[in-house]
Amino acid sequence: MKSIIITNNPAVREKYRNVLFIDGSVEDTLIKVRDMVYQGYELVSHPLAASIRMMYSPYRSVILGRQEAKVDFLYAEIIEDSIIKYKRHTSHRKKDVTNSDDYQMIDLILLEAALSEQQITW
């Protein structure tokens, strides 16, 4: 399966070629994922963070799969709900940019775990 990674994480951009880099926030990244899901792309990894603490990370990477001829409304519902939940959980708290390097590394590790699982699955 041909995948594309949507990310705002510079460490991911440096390591992988099949990346659409978003020069913006996590919310900008999620909005781009949503737009691509509405173009028919499959969600391969979940758009929300692995934990509440990671919700405050300034970086997010999401794997999308092949583009289908029609929109999968389950994927559309997942990304729409993810954007709402992200906004709800982060609206009252600032992103943690102090630990930016650590968050880049954690996001990269989580992405690589999802990619290795994807290879087994597909």
PDB file of N, CA and C in Angstrom:
ATOM      1  N   MET A   1       0.841  -1.180   0.000  1.00  0.00           N
ATOM      2  CA  MET A   1       0.000   0.000   0.000  1.00  0.00           C
ATOM      3  C   MET A   1       0.884   1.239   0.000  1.00  0.00           C
ATOM      4  N   LYS A   2       0.605   2.145  -0.867  1.00  0.00           N
ATOM      5  CA  LYS A   2       1.341   3.419  -0.947  1.00  0.00           C
ATOM      6  C   LYS A   2       0.749   4.371   0.085  1.00  0.00           C
ATOM      7  N   SER A   3       1.575   4.857   0.980  1.00  0.00           N
ATOM      8  CA  SER A   3       1.129   5.752   2.035  1.00  0.00           C
ATOM      9  C   SER A   3       1.750   7.122   1.884  1.00  0.00           C
ATOM     10  N   ILE A   4       1.104   8.092   2.486  1.00  0.00           N
ATOM     11  CA  ILE A   4       1.661   9.427   2.575  1.00  0.00           C
ATOM     12  C   ILE A   4       1.547   9.859   4.030  1.00  0.00           C
ATOM     13  N   ILE A   5       2.566  10.552   4.497  1.00  0.00           N
ATOM     14  CA  ILE A   5       2.587  11.047   5.872  1.00  0.00           C
ATOM     15  C   ILE A   5       2.310  12.545   5.828  1.00  0.00           C
ATOM     16  N   ILE A   6       1.317  12.971   6.591  1.00  0.00           N
ATOM     17  CA  ILE A   6       1.020  14.387   6.742  1.00  0.00           C
ATOM     18  C   ILE A   6       1.586  14.777   8.098  1.00  0.00           C
ATOM     19  N   THR A   7       2.477  15.761   8.136  1.00  0.00           N
ATOM     20  CA  THR A   7       3.159  16.087   9.385  1.00  0.00           C
ATOM     21  C   THR A   7       3.586  17.547   9.428  1.00  0.00           C
ATOM     22  N   ASN A   8       3.742  18.026  10.639  1.00  0.00           N
ATOM     23  CA  ASN A   8       4.381  19.329  10.854  1.00  0.00           C
ATOM     24  C   ASN A   8       5.680  19.135  11.642  1.00  0.00           C
ATOM     25  N   ASN A   9       6.148  17.905  11.713  1.00  0.00           N
ATOM     26  CA  ASN A   9       7.341  17.546  12.472  1.00  0.00           C
ATOM     27  C   ASN A   9       8.572  17.562  11.550  1.00  0.00           C
ATOM     28  N   PRO A  10       9.507  18.488  11.777  1.00  0.00           N
ATOM     29  CA  PRO A  10      10.711  18.558  10.931  1.00  0.00           C
ATOM     30  C   PRO A  10      11.534  17.264  10.947  1.00  0.00           C
ATOM     31  N   ALA A  11      11.544  16.540  12.066  1.00  0.00           N
ATOM     32  CA  ALA A  11      12.308  15.288  12.143  1.00  0.00           C
ATOM     33  C   ALA A  11      11.728  14.239  11.194  1.00  0.00           C
ATOM     34  N   VAL A  12      10.420  14.221  11.035  1.00  0.00           N
ATOM     35  CA  VAL A  12       9.777  13.284  10.108  1.00  0.00           C
ATOM     36  C   VAL A  12      10.097  13.692   8.672  1.00  0.00           C
ATOM     37  N   ARG A  13      10.031  14.975   8.399  1.00  0.00           N
ATOM     38  CA  ARG A  13      10.337  15.475   7.047  1.00  0.00           C
ATOM     39  C   ARG A  13      11.763  15.108   6.643  1.00  0.00           C
ATOM     40  N   GLU A  14      12.701  15.171   7.582  1.00  0.00           N
ATOM     41  CA  GLU A  14      14.093  14.846   7.284  1.00  0.00           C
ATOM     42  C   GLU A  14      14.304  13.356   7.023  1.00  0.00           C
ATOM     43  N   LYS A  15      13.513  12.514   7.680  1.00  0.00           N
ATOM     44  CA  LYS A  15      13.754  11.072   7.608  1.00  0.00           C
ATOM     45  C   LYS A  15      13.007  10.365   6.479  1.00  0.00           C
ATOM     46  N   TYR A  16      11.840  10.864   6.091  1.00  0.00           N
ATOM     47  CA  TYR A  16      11.007  10.173   5.109  1.00  0.00           C
ATOM     48  C   TYR A  16      10.777  11.021   3.865  1.00  0.00           C
ATOM     49  N   ARG A  17      10.591  10.330   2.733  1.00  0.00           N
ATOM     50  CA  ARG A  17      10.369  11.025   1.466  1.00  0.00           C
ATOM     51  C   ARG A  17       8.895  11.215   1.142  1.00  0.00           C
ATOM     52  N   ASN A  18       8.063  10.286   1.514  1.00  0.00           N
ATOM     53  CA  ASN A  18       6.643  10.362   1.175  1.00  0.00           C
ATOM     54  C   ASN A  18       5.878  11.204   2.208  1.00  0.00           C
ATOM     55  N   VAL A  19       6.320  12.466   2.344  1.00  0.00           N
ATOM     56  CA  VAL A  19       5.798  13.368   3.376  1.00  0.00           C
ATOM     57  C   VAL A  19       5.199  14.611   2.735  1.00  0.00           C
ATOM     58  N   LEU A  20       4.035  14.984   3.224  1.00  0.00           N
ATOM     59  CA  LEU A  20       3.471  16.293   2.921  1.00  0.00           C
ATOM     60  C   LEU A  20       3.686  17.120   4.186  1.00  0.00           C
ATOM     61  N   PHE A  21       4.643  18.032   4.134  1.00  0.00           N
ATOM     62  CA  PHE A  21       5.002  18.818   5.314  1.00  0.00           C
ATOM     63  C   PHE A  21       4.087  20.033   5.425  1.00  0.00           C
ATOM     64  N   ILE A  22       3.539  20.216   6.605  1.00  0.00           N
ATOM     65  CA  ILE A  22       2.672  21.352   6.905  1.00  0.00           C
ATOM     66  C   ILE A  22       3.486  22.325   7.746  1.00  0.00           C
ATOM     67  N   ASP A  23       3.713  23.492   7.222  1.00  0.00           N
ATOM     68  CA  ASP A  23       4.441  24.522   7.962  1.00  0.00           C
ATOM     69  C   ASP A  23       3.421  25.271   8.811  1.00  0.00           C
ATOM     70  N   GLY A  24       3.034  24.635   9.917  1.00  0.00           N
ATOM     71  CA  GLY A  24       2.002  25.220  10.764  1.00  0.00           C
ATOM     72  C   GLY A  24       1.810  24.398  12.019  1.00  0.00           C
ATOM     73  N   SER A  25       0.664  24.562  12.616  1.00  0.00           N
ATOM     74  CA  SER A  25       0.351  23.950  13.905  1.00  0.00           C
ATOM     75  C   SER A  25      -0.215  22.539  13.741  1.00  0.00           C
ATOM     76  N   VAL A  26      -0.457  21.900  14.875  1.00  0.00           N
ATOM     77  CA  VAL A  26      -1.123  20.599  14.871  1.00  0.00           C
ATOM     78  C   VAL A  26      -2.517  20.756  14.259  1.00  0.00           C
ATOM     79  N   GLU A  27      -3.206  21.811  14.621  1.00  0.00           N
ATOM     80  CA  GLU A  27      -4.545  22.035  14.062  1.00  0.00           C
ATOM     81  C   GLU A  27      -4.481  22.174  12.538  1.00  0.00           C
ATOM     82  N   ASP A  28      -3.495  22.890  12.028  1.00  0.00           N
ATOM     83  CA  ASP A  28      -3.317  23.009  10.578  1.00  0.00           C
ATOM     84  C   ASP A  28      -3.086  21.630   9.942  1.00  0.00           C
ATOM     85  N   THR A  29      -2.313  20.802  10.623  1.00  0.00           N
ATOM     86  CA  THR A  29      -2.032  19.454  10.135  1.00  0.00           C
ATOM     87  C   THR A  29      -3.312  18.625  10.096  1.00  0.00           C
ATOM     88  N   LEU A  30      -4.097  18.686  11.170  1.00  0.00           N
ATOM     89  CA  LEU A  30      -5.357  17.933  11.216  1.00  0.00           C
ATOM     90  C   LEU A  30      -6.335  18.416  10.153  1.00  0.00           C
ATOM     91  N   ILE A  31      -6.366  19.704   9.908  1.00  0.00           N
ATOM     92  CA  ILE A  31      -7.257  20.249   8.873  1.00  0.00           C
ATOM     93  C   ILE A  31      -6.836  19.738   7.493  1.00  0.00           C
ATOM     94  N   LYS A  32      -5.543  19.661   7.226  1.00  0.00           N
ATOM     95  CA  LYS A  32      -5.072  19.119   5.953  1.00  0.00           C
ATOM     96  C   LYS A  32      -5.444  17.647   5.823  1.00  0.00           C
ATOM     97  N   VAL A  33      -5.304  16.898   6.921  1.00  0.00           N
ATOM     98  CA  VAL A  33      -5.712  15.487   6.910  1.00  0.00           C
ATOM     99  C   VAL A  33      -7.199  15.404   6.584  1.00  0.00           C
ATOM    100  N   ARG A  34      -8.010  16.235   7.222  1.00  0.00           N
ATOM    101  CA  ARG A  34      -9.452  16.245   6.957  1.00  0.00           C
ATOM    102  C   ARG A  34      -9.731  16.510   5.478  1.00  0.00           C
ATOM    103  N   ASP A  35      -9.061  17.504   4.932  1.00  0.00           N
ATOM    104  CA  ASP A  35      -9.266  17.849   3.522  1.00  0.00           C
ATOM    105  C   ASP A  35      -8.940  16.665   2.611  1.00  0.00           C
ATOM    106  N   MET A  36      -7.868  15.953   2.944  1.00  0.00           N
ATOM    107  CA  MET A  36      -7.469  14.814   2.113  1.00  0.00           C
ATOM    108  C   MET A  36      -8.418  13.629   2.285  1.00  0.00           C
ATOM    109  N   VAL A  37      -8.946  13.445   3.496  1.00  0.00           N
ATOM    110  CA  VAL A  37      -9.952  12.397   3.709  1.00  0.00           C
ATOM    111  C   VAL A  37     -11.183  12.692   2.848  1.00  0.00           C
ATOM    112  N   TYR A  38     -11.566  13.960   2.761  1.00  0.00           N
ATOM    113  CA  TYR A  38     -12.705  14.328   1.918  1.00  0.00           C
ATOM    114  C   TYR A  38     -12.380  14.216   0.426  1.00  0.00           C
ATOM    115  N   GLN A  39     -11.107  14.056   0.096  1.00  0.00           N
ATOM    116  CA  GLN A  39     -10.721  13.772  -1.286  1.00  0.00           C
ATOM    117  C   GLN A  39     -10.658  12.263  -1.543  1.00  0.00           C
ATOM    118  N   GLY A  40     -10.970  11.475  -0.513  1.00  0.00           N
ATOM    119  CA  GLY A  40     -11.032  10.029  -0.669  1.00  0.00           C
ATOM    120  C   GLY A  40      -9.876   9.244  -0.089  1.00  0.00           C
ATOM    121  N   TYR A  41      -8.922   9.890   0.577  1.00  0.00           N
ATOM    122  CA  TYR A  41      -7.798   9.169   1.172  1.00  0.00           C
ATOM    123  C   TYR A  41      -8.247   8.407   2.409  1.00  0.00           C
ATOM    124  N   GLU A  42      -7.615   7.261   2.637  1.00  0.00           N
ATOM    125  CA  GLU A  42      -7.895   6.432   3.805  1.00  0.00           C
ATOM    126  C   GLU A  42      -7.066   6.885   5.001  1.00  0.00           C
ATOM    127  N   LEU A  43      -7.646   6.852   6.181  1.00  0.00           N
ATOM    128  CA  LEU A  43      -6.890   7.059   7.411  1.00  0.00           C
ATOM    129  C   LEU A  43      -6.218   5.736   7.766  1.00  0.00           C
ATOM    130  N   VAL A  44      -4.905   5.743   7.902  1.00  0.00           N
ATOM    131  CA  VAL A  44      -4.182   4.544   8.305  1.00  0.00           C
ATOM    132  C   VAL A  44      -3.837   4.634   9.788  1.00  0.00           C
ATOM    133  N   SER A  45      -3.409   5.808  10.243  1.00  0.00           N
ATOM    134  CA  SER A  45      -3.155   6.006  11.677  1.00  0.00           C
ATOM    135  C   SER A  45      -4.176   6.997  12.219  1.00  0.00           C
ATOM    136  N   HIS A  46      -4.417   6.902  13.509  1.00  0.00           N
ATOM    137  CA  HIS A  46      -5.413   7.774  14.129  1.00  0.00           C
ATOM    138  C   HIS A  46      -4.846   9.190  14.259  1.00  0.00           C
ATOM    139  N   PRO A  47      -5.669  10.199  13.993  1.00  0.00           N
ATOM    140  CA  PRO A  47      -5.163  11.575  14.022  1.00  0.00           C
ATOM    141  C   PRO A  47      -4.931  12.156  15.415  1.00  0.00           C
ATOM    142  N   LEU A  48      -5.503  11.556  16.451  1.00  0.00           N
ATOM    143  CA  LEU A  48      -5.289  12.092  17.797  1.00  0.00           C
ATOM    144  C   LEU A  48      -4.018  11.549  18.417  1.00  0.00           C
ATOM    145  N   ALA A  49      -3.523  12.272  19.398  1.00  0.00           N
ATOM    146  CA  ALA A  49      -2.293  11.895  20.094  1.00  0.00           C
ATOM    147  C   ALA A  49      -2.485  10.626  20.904  1.00  0.00           C
ATOM    148  N   ALA A  50      -1.368  10.018  21.264  1.00  0.00           N
ATOM    149  CA  ALA A  50      -1.391   8.755  21.995  1.00  0.00           C
ATOM    150  C   ALA A  50      -1.832   8.909  23.446  1.00  0.00           C
ATOM    151  N   SER A  51      -1.730  10.117  23.990  1.00  0.00           N
ATOM    152  CA  SER A  51      -2.116  10.353  25.382  1.00  0.00           C
ATOM    153  C   SER A  51      -2.504  11.812  25.551  1.00  0.00           C
ATOM    154  N   ILE A  52      -3.107  12.120  26.689  1.00  0.00           N
ATOM    155  CA  ILE A  52      -3.497  13.501  26.967  1.00  0.00           C
ATOM    156  C   ILE A  52      -2.262  14.398  26.988  1.00  0.00           C
ATOM    157  N   ARG A  53      -1.190  13.953  27.583  1.00  0.00           N
ATOM    158  CA  ARG A  53       0.038  14.758  27.643  1.00  0.00           C
ATOM    159  C   ARG A  53       0.555  15.078  26.244  1.00  0.00           C
ATOM    160  N   MET A  54       0.473  14.097  25.344  1.00  0.00           N
ATOM    161  CA  MET A  54       0.920  14.318  23.966  1.00  0.00           C
ATOM    162  C   MET A  54      -0.020  15.249  23.199  1.00  0.00           C
ATOM    163  N   MET A  55      -1.210  15.470  23.723  1.00  0.00           N
ATOM    164  CA  MET A  55      -2.146  16.393  23.083  1.00  0.00           C
ATOM    165  C   MET A  55      -1.560  17.807  23.051  1.00  0.00           C
ATOM    166  N   TYR A  56      -0.666  18.103  23.984  1.00  0.00           N
ATOM    167  CA  TYR A  56      -0.069  19.443  24.066  1.00  0.00           C
ATOM    168  C   TYR A  56       1.229  19.556  23.275  1.00  0.00           C
ATOM    169  N   SER A  57       1.578  18.492  22.576  1.00  0.00           N
ATOM    170  CA  SER A  57       2.760  18.509  21.713  1.00  0.00           C
ATOM    171  C   SER A  57       2.507  19.429  20.519  1.00  0.00           C
ATOM    172  N   PRO A  58       3.516  20.172  20.105  1.00  0.00           N
ATOM    173  CA  PRO A  58       3.353  21.024  18.930  1.00  0.00           C
ATOM    174  C   PRO A  58       3.513  20.261  17.605  1.00  0.00           C
ATOM    175  N   TYR A  59       3.658  18.912  17.659  1.00  0.00           N
ATOM    176  CA  TYR A  59       3.891  18.117  16.453  1.00  0.00           C
ATOM    177  C   TYR A  59       2.898  16.970  16.339  1.00  0.00           C
ATOM    178  N   ARG A  60       2.490  16.698  15.106  1.00  0.00           N
ATOM    179  CA  ARG A  60       1.597  15.567  14.850  1.00  0.00           C
ATOM    180  C   ARG A  60       1.869  15.020  13.460  1.00  0.00           C
ATOM    181  N   SER A  61       1.903  13.714  13.368  1.00  0.00           N
ATOM    182  CA  SER A  61       2.078  13.022  12.095  1.00  0.00           C
ATOM    183  C   SER A  61       0.957  12.009  11.933  1.00  0.00           C
ATOM    184  N   VAL A  62       0.366  11.979  10.746  1.00  0.00           N
ATOM    185  CA  VAL A  62      -0.747  11.074  10.448  1.00  0.00           C
ATOM    186  C   VAL A  62      -0.451  10.380   9.124  1.00  0.00           C
ATOM    187  N   ILE A  63      -0.708   9.077   9.078  1.00  0.00           N
ATOM    188  CA  ILE A  63      -0.498   8.310   7.854  1.00  0.00           C
ATOM    189  C   ILE A  63      -1.827   8.177   7.120  1.00  0.00           C
ATOM    190  N   LEU A  64      -1.788   8.497   5.837  1.00  0.00           N
ATOM    191  CA  LEU A  64      -2.941   8.297   4.965  1.00  0.00           C
ATOM    192  C   LEU A  64      -2.596   7.242   3.933  1.00  0.00           C
ATOM    193  N   GLY A  65      -3.586   6.435   3.574  1.00  0.00           N
ATOM    194  CA  GLY A  65      -3.404   5.396   2.567  1.00  0.00           C
ATOM    195  C   GLY A  65      -3.903   5.844   1.214  1.00  0.00           C
ATOM    196  N   ARG A  66      -4.152   4.883   0.369  1.00  0.00           N
ATOM    197  CA  ARG A  66      -4.525   5.162  -1.021  1.00  0.00           C
ATOM    198  C   ARG A  66      -5.809   5.995  -1.127  1.00  0.00           C
ATOM    199  N   GLN A  67      -5.909   6.662  -2.239  1.00  0.00           N
ATOM    200  CA  GLN A  67      -7.083   7.484  -2.505  1.00  0.00           C
ATOM    201  C   GLN A  67      -8.114   6.630  -3.237  1.00  0.00           C
ATOM    202  N   GLU A  68      -9.309   6.629  -2.701  1.00  0.00           N
ATOM    203  CA  GLU A  68     -10.416   5.894  -3.302  1.00  0.00           C
ATOM    204  C   GLU A  68     -11.264   6.843  -4.143  1.00  0.00           C
ATOM    205  N   ALA A  69     -12.172   6.286  -4.901  1.00  0.00           N
ATOM    206  CA  ALA A  69     -13.047   7.093  -5.766  1.00  0.00           C
ATOM    207  C   ALA A  69     -14.106   7.841  -4.966  1.00  0.00           C
ATOM    208  N   LYS A  70     -14.377   7.366  -3.747  1.00  0.00           N
ATOM    209  CA  LYS A  70     -15.406   8.019  -2.942  1.00  0.00           C
ATOM    210  C   LYS A  70     -14.899   8.220  -1.507  1.00  0.00           C
ATOM    211  N   VAL A  71     -15.567   9.100  -0.806  1.00  0.00           N
ATOM    212  CA  VAL A  71     -15.210   9.415   0.579  1.00  0.00           C
ATOM    213  C   VAL A  71     -15.733   8.316   1.497  1.00  0.00           C
ATOM    214  N   ASP A  72     -14.895   7.848   2.408  1.00  0.00           N
ATOM    215  CA  ASP A  72     -15.333   6.915   3.444  1.00  0.00           C
ATOM    216  C   ASP A  72     -15.802   7.754   4.621  1.00  0.00           C
ATOM    217  N   PHE A  73     -17.084   7.714   4.903  1.00  0.00           N
ATOM    218  CA  PHE A  73     -17.640   8.597   5.915  1.00  0.00           C
ATOM    219  C   PHE A  73     -17.222   8.220   7.335  1.00  0.00           C
ATOM    220  N   LEU A  74     -16.780   6.998   7.554  1.00  0.00           N
ATOM    221  CA  LEU A  74     -16.220   6.644   8.861  1.00  0.00           C
ATOM    222  C   LEU A  74     -14.934   7.425   9.092  1.00  0.00           C
ATOM    223  N   TYR A  75     -14.059   7.476   8.085  1.00  0.00           N
ATOM    224  CA  TYR A  75     -12.827   8.253   8.200  1.00  0.00           C
ATOM    225  C   TYR A  75     -13.142   9.738   8.377  1.00  0.00           C
ATOM    226  N   ALA A  76     -14.134  10.220   7.652  1.00  0.00           N
ATOM    227  CA  ALA A  76     -14.522  11.628   7.765  1.00  0.00           C
ATOM    228  C   ALA A  76     -15.000  11.937   9.178  1.00  0.00           C
ATOM    229  N   GLU A  77     -15.776  11.036   9.749  1.00  0.00           N
ATOM    230  CA  GLU A  77     -16.271  11.243  11.111  1.00  0.00           C
ATOM    231  C   GLU A  77     -15.116  11.214  12.120  1.00  0.00           C
ATOM    232  N   ILE A  78     -14.177  10.312  11.933  1.00  0.00           N
ATOM    233  CA  ILE A  78     -13.028  10.210  12.841  1.00  0.00           C
ATOM    234  C   ILE A  78     -12.213  11.502  12.824  1.00  0.00           C
ATOM    235  N   ILE A  79     -11.898  12.028  11.643  1.00  0.00           N
ATOM    236  CA  ILE A  79     -11.066  13.228  11.590  1.00  0.00           C
ATOM    237  C   ILE A  79     -11.839  14.445  12.084  1.00  0.00           C
ATOM    238  N   GLU A  80     -13.118  14.547  11.767  1.00  0.00           N
ATOM    239  CA  GLU A  80     -13.913  15.681  12.265  1.00  0.00           C
ATOM    240  C   GLU A  80     -13.979  15.652  13.795  1.00  0.00           C
ATOM    241  N   ASP A  81     -14.252  14.481  14.368  1.00  0.00           N
ATOM    242  CA  ASP A  81     -14.292  14.347  15.829  1.00  0.00           C
ATOM    243  C   ASP A  81     -12.920  14.625  16.448  1.00  0.00           C
ATOM    244  N   SER A  82     -11.860  14.230  15.768  1.00  0.00           N
ATOM    245  CA  SER A  82     -10.510  14.462  16.276  1.00  0.00           C
ATOM    246  C   SER A  82     -10.193  15.951  16.345  1.00  0.00           C
ATOM    247  N   ILE A  83     -10.592  16.692  15.346  1.00  0.00           N
ATOM    248  CA  ILE A  83     -10.357  18.139  15.351  1.00  0.00           C
ATOM    249  C   ILE A  83     -11.129  18.787  16.493  1.00  0.00           C
ATOM    250  N   ILE A  84     -12.367  18.385  16.689  1.00  0.00           N
ATOM    251  CA  ILE A  84     -13.188  18.933  17.783  1.00  0.00           C
ATOM    252  C   ILE A  84     -12.556  18.610  19.133  1.00  0.00           C
ATOM    253  N   LYS A  85     -12.155  17.369  19.339  1.00  0.00           N
ATOM    254  CA  LYS A  85     -11.544  16.962  20.608  1.00  0.00           C
ATOM    255  C   LYS A  85     -10.221  17.683  20.837  1.00  0.00           C
ATOM    256  N   TYR A  86      -9.433  17.821  19.781  1.00  0.00           N
ATOM    257  CA  TYR A  86      -8.167  18.531  19.909  1.00  0.00           C
ATOM    258  C   TYR A  86      -8.406  19.969  20.368  1.00  0.00           C
ATOM    259  N   LYS A  87      -9.325  20.643  19.727  1.00  0.00           N
ATOM    260  CA  LYS A  87      -9.621  22.030  20.098  1.00  0.00           C
ATOM    261  C   LYS A  87     -10.145  22.111  21.536  1.00  0.00           C
ATOM    262  N   ARG A  88     -11.007  21.187  21.918  1.00  0.00           N
ATOM    263  CA  ARG A  88     -11.579  21.195  23.264  1.00  0.00           C
ATOM    264  C   ARG A  88     -10.495  21.002  24.323  1.00  0.00           C
ATOM    265  N   HIS A  89      -9.566  20.098  24.083  1.00  0.00           N
ATOM    266  CA  HIS A  89      -8.539  19.800  25.085  1.00  0.00           C
ATOM    267  C   HIS A  89      -7.417  20.824  25.127  1.00  0.00           C
ATOM    268  N   THR A  90      -7.197  21.532  24.040  1.00  0.00           N
ATOM    269  CA  THR A  90      -6.056  22.442  24.003  1.00  0.00           C
ATOM    270  C   THR A  90      -6.441  23.920  24.069  1.00  0.00           C
ATOM    271  N   SER A  91      -7.713  24.225  24.062  1.00  0.00           N
ATOM    272  CA  SER A  91      -8.131  25.630  24.031  1.00  0.00           C
ATOM    273  C   SER A  91      -7.762  26.391  25.307  1.00  0.00           C
ATOM    274  N   HIS A  92      -7.631  25.701  26.406  1.00  0.00           N
ATOM    275  CA  HIS A  92      -7.353  26.344  27.692  1.00  0.00           C
ATOM    276  C   HIS A  92      -5.886  26.248  28.117  1.00  0.00           C
ATOM    277  N   ARG A  93      -5.060  25.668  27.277  1.00  0.00           N
ATOM    278  CA  ARG A  93      -3.667  25.448  27.659  1.00  0.00           C
ATOM    279  C   ARG A  93      -2.750  25.682  26.463  1.00  0.00           C
ATOM    280  N   LYS A  94      -1.608  26.262  26.728  1.00  0.00           N
ATOM    281  CA  LYS A  94      -0.645  26.523  25.659  1.00  0.00           C
ATOM    282  C   LYS A  94       0.109  25.251  25.290  1.00  0.00           C
ATOM    283  N   LYS A  95       0.570  25.218  24.059  1.00  0.00           N
ATOM    284  CA  LYS A  95       1.399  24.101  23.606  1.00  0.00           C
ATOM    285  C   LYS A  95       2.726  24.147  24.355  1.00  0.00           C
ATOM    286  N   ASP A  96       3.308  22.986  24.582  1.00  0.00           N
ATOM    287  CA  ASP A  96       4.579  22.877  25.284  1.00  0.00           C
ATOM    288  C   ASP A  96       5.725  22.939  24.274  1.00  0.00           C
ATOM    289  N   VAL A  97       6.230  24.142  24.024  1.00  0.00           N
ATOM    290  CA  VAL A  97       7.333  24.300  23.072  1.00  0.00           C
ATOM    291  C   VAL A  97       8.694  24.186  23.751  1.00  0.00           C
ATOM    292  N   THR A  98       8.705  24.197  25.091  1.00  0.00           N
ATOM    293  CA  THR A  98       9.957  24.073  25.839  1.00  0.00           C
ATOM    294  C   THR A  98      10.642  22.745  25.542  1.00  0.00           C
ATOM    295  N   ASN A  99       9.844  21.708  25.391  1.00  0.00           N
ATOM    296  CA  ASN A  99      10.376  20.366  25.156  1.00  0.00           C
ATOM    297  C   ASN A  99      10.215  19.948  23.697  1.00  0.00           C
ATOM    298  N   SER A 100      10.396  20.878  22.800  1.00  0.00           N
ATOM    299  CA  SER A 100      10.140  20.673  21.379  1.00  0.00           C
ATOM    300  C   SER A 100      10.920  19.491  20.798  1.00  0.00           C
ATOM    301  N   ASP A 101      12.205  19.395  21.101  1.00  0.00           N
ATOM    302  CA  ASP A 101      13.025  18.298  20.563  1.00  0.00           C
ATOM    303  C   ASP A 101      12.507  16.943  21.035  1.00  0.00           C
ATOM    304  N   ASP A 102      12.117  16.867  22.299  1.00  0.00           N
ATOM    305  CA  ASP A 102      11.578  15.622  22.835  1.00  0.00           C
ATOM    306  C   ASP A 102      10.269  15.255  22.144  1.00  0.00           C
ATOM    307  N   TYR A 103       9.396  16.232  21.927  1.00  0.00           N
ATOM    308  CA  TYR A 103       8.131  15.971  21.255  1.00  0.00           C
ATOM    309  C   TYR A 103       8.342  15.537  19.808  1.00  0.00           C
ATOM    310  N   GLN A 104       9.333  16.103  19.134  1.00  0.00           N
ATOM    311  CA  GLN A 104       9.642  15.656  17.770  1.00  0.00           C
ATOM    312  C   GLN A 104      10.040  14.183  17.778  1.00  0.00           C
ATOM    313  N   MET A 105      10.888  13.820  18.726  1.00  0.00           N
ATOM    314  CA  MET A 105      11.358  12.448  18.809  1.00  0.00           C
ATOM    315  C   MET A 105      10.204  11.488  19.133  1.00  0.00           C
ATOM    316  N   ILE A 106       9.356  11.850  20.090  1.00  0.00           N
ATOM    317  CA  ILE A 106       8.234  10.984  20.464  1.00  0.00           C
ATOM    318  C   ILE A 106       7.282  10.806  19.287  1.00  0.00           C
ATOM    319  N   ASP A 107       6.966  11.907  18.588  1.00  0.00           N
ATOM    320  CA  ASP A 107       6.089  11.820  17.427  1.00  0.00           C
ATOM    321  C   ASP A 107       6.701  10.903  16.369  1.00  0.00           C
ATOM    322  N   LEU A 108       7.990  11.018  16.145  1.00  0.00           N
ATOM    323  CA  LEU A 108       8.676  10.165  15.172  1.00  0.00           C
ATOM    324  C   LEU A 108       8.621   8.697  15.589  1.00  0.00           C
ATOM    325  N   ILE A 109       8.839   8.412  16.851  1.00  0.00           N
ATOM    326  CA  ILE A 109       8.790   7.031  17.354  1.00  0.00           C
ATOM    327  C   ILE A 109       7.385   6.451  17.190  1.00  0.00           C
ATOM    328  N   LEU A 110       6.355   7.238  17.528  1.00  0.00           N
ATOM    329  CA  LEU A 110       4.978   6.770  17.368  1.00  0.00           C
ATOM    330  C   LEU A 110       4.650   6.524  15.892  1.00  0.00           C
ATOM    331  N   LEU A 111       5.119   7.403  15.028  1.00  0.00           N
ATOM    332  CA  LEU A 111       4.907   7.236  13.592  1.00  0.00           C
ATOM    333  C   LEU A 111       5.575   5.953  13.102  1.00  0.00           C
ATOM    334  N   GLU A 112       6.809   5.730  13.510  1.00  0.00           N
ATOM    335  CA  GLU A 112       7.531   4.537  13.068  1.00  0.00           C
ATOM    336  C   GLU A 112       6.865   3.252  13.566  1.00  0.00           C
ATOM    337  N   ALA A 113       6.309   3.297  14.760  1.00  0.00           N
ATOM    338  CA  ALA A 113       5.565   2.131  15.265  1.00  0.00           C
ATOM    339  C   ALA A 113       4.340   1.868  14.393  1.00  0.00           C
ATOM    340  N   ALA A 114       3.646   2.930  14.019  1.00  0.00           N
ATOM    341  CA  ALA A 114       2.470   2.780  13.148  1.00  0.00           C
ATOM    342  C   ALA A 114       2.876   2.278  11.768  1.00  0.00           C
ATOM    343  N   LEU A 115       3.981   2.768  11.240  1.00  0.00           N
ATOM    344  CA  LEU A 115       4.455   2.329   9.927  1.00  0.00           C
ATOM    345  C   LEU A 115       4.857   0.849   9.951  1.00  0.00           C
ATOM    346  N   SER A 116       5.523   0.403  11.009  1.00  0.00           N
ATOM    347  CA  SER A 116       5.930  -1.002  11.085  1.00  0.00           C
ATOM    348  C   SER A 116       4.709  -1.893  11.238  1.00  0.00           C
ATOM    349  N   GLU A 117       3.716  -1.444  11.959  1.00  0.00           N
ATOM    350  CA  GLU A 117       2.471  -2.206  12.109  1.00  0.00           C
ATOM    351  C   GLU A 117       1.717  -2.264  10.780  1.00  0.00           C
ATOM    352  N   GLN A 118       1.754  -1.171  10.043  1.00  0.00           N
ATOM    353  CA  GLN A 118       1.089  -1.111   8.755  1.00  0.00           C
ATOM    354  C   GLN A 118       1.692  -2.125   7.786  1.00  0.00           C
ATOM    355  N   GLN A 119       3.011  -2.281   7.783  1.00  0.00           N
ATOM    356  CA  GLN A 119       3.666  -3.219   6.881  1.00  0.00           C
ATOM    357  C   GLN A 119       3.248  -4.651   7.192  1.00  0.00           C
ATOM    358  N   ILE A 120       3.057  -4.947   8.467  1.00  0.00           N
ATOM    359  CA  ILE A 120       2.617  -6.285   8.859  1.00  0.00           C
ATOM    360  C   ILE A 120       1.170  -6.502   8.414  1.00  0.00           C
ATOM    361  N   THR A 121       0.335  -5.487   8.619  1.00  0.00           N
ATOM    362  CA  THR A 121      -1.079  -5.581   8.296  1.00  0.00           C
ATOM    363  C   THR A 121      -1.307  -5.677   6.794  1.00  0.00           C
ATOM    364  N   TRP A 122      -0.580  -4.896   6.035  1.00  0.00           N
ATOM    365  CA  TRP A 122      -0.843  -4.824   4.600  1.00  0.00           C
ATOM    366  C   TRP A 122       0.114  -5.722   3.897  1.00  0.00           C
TER     367      TRP A 122
END
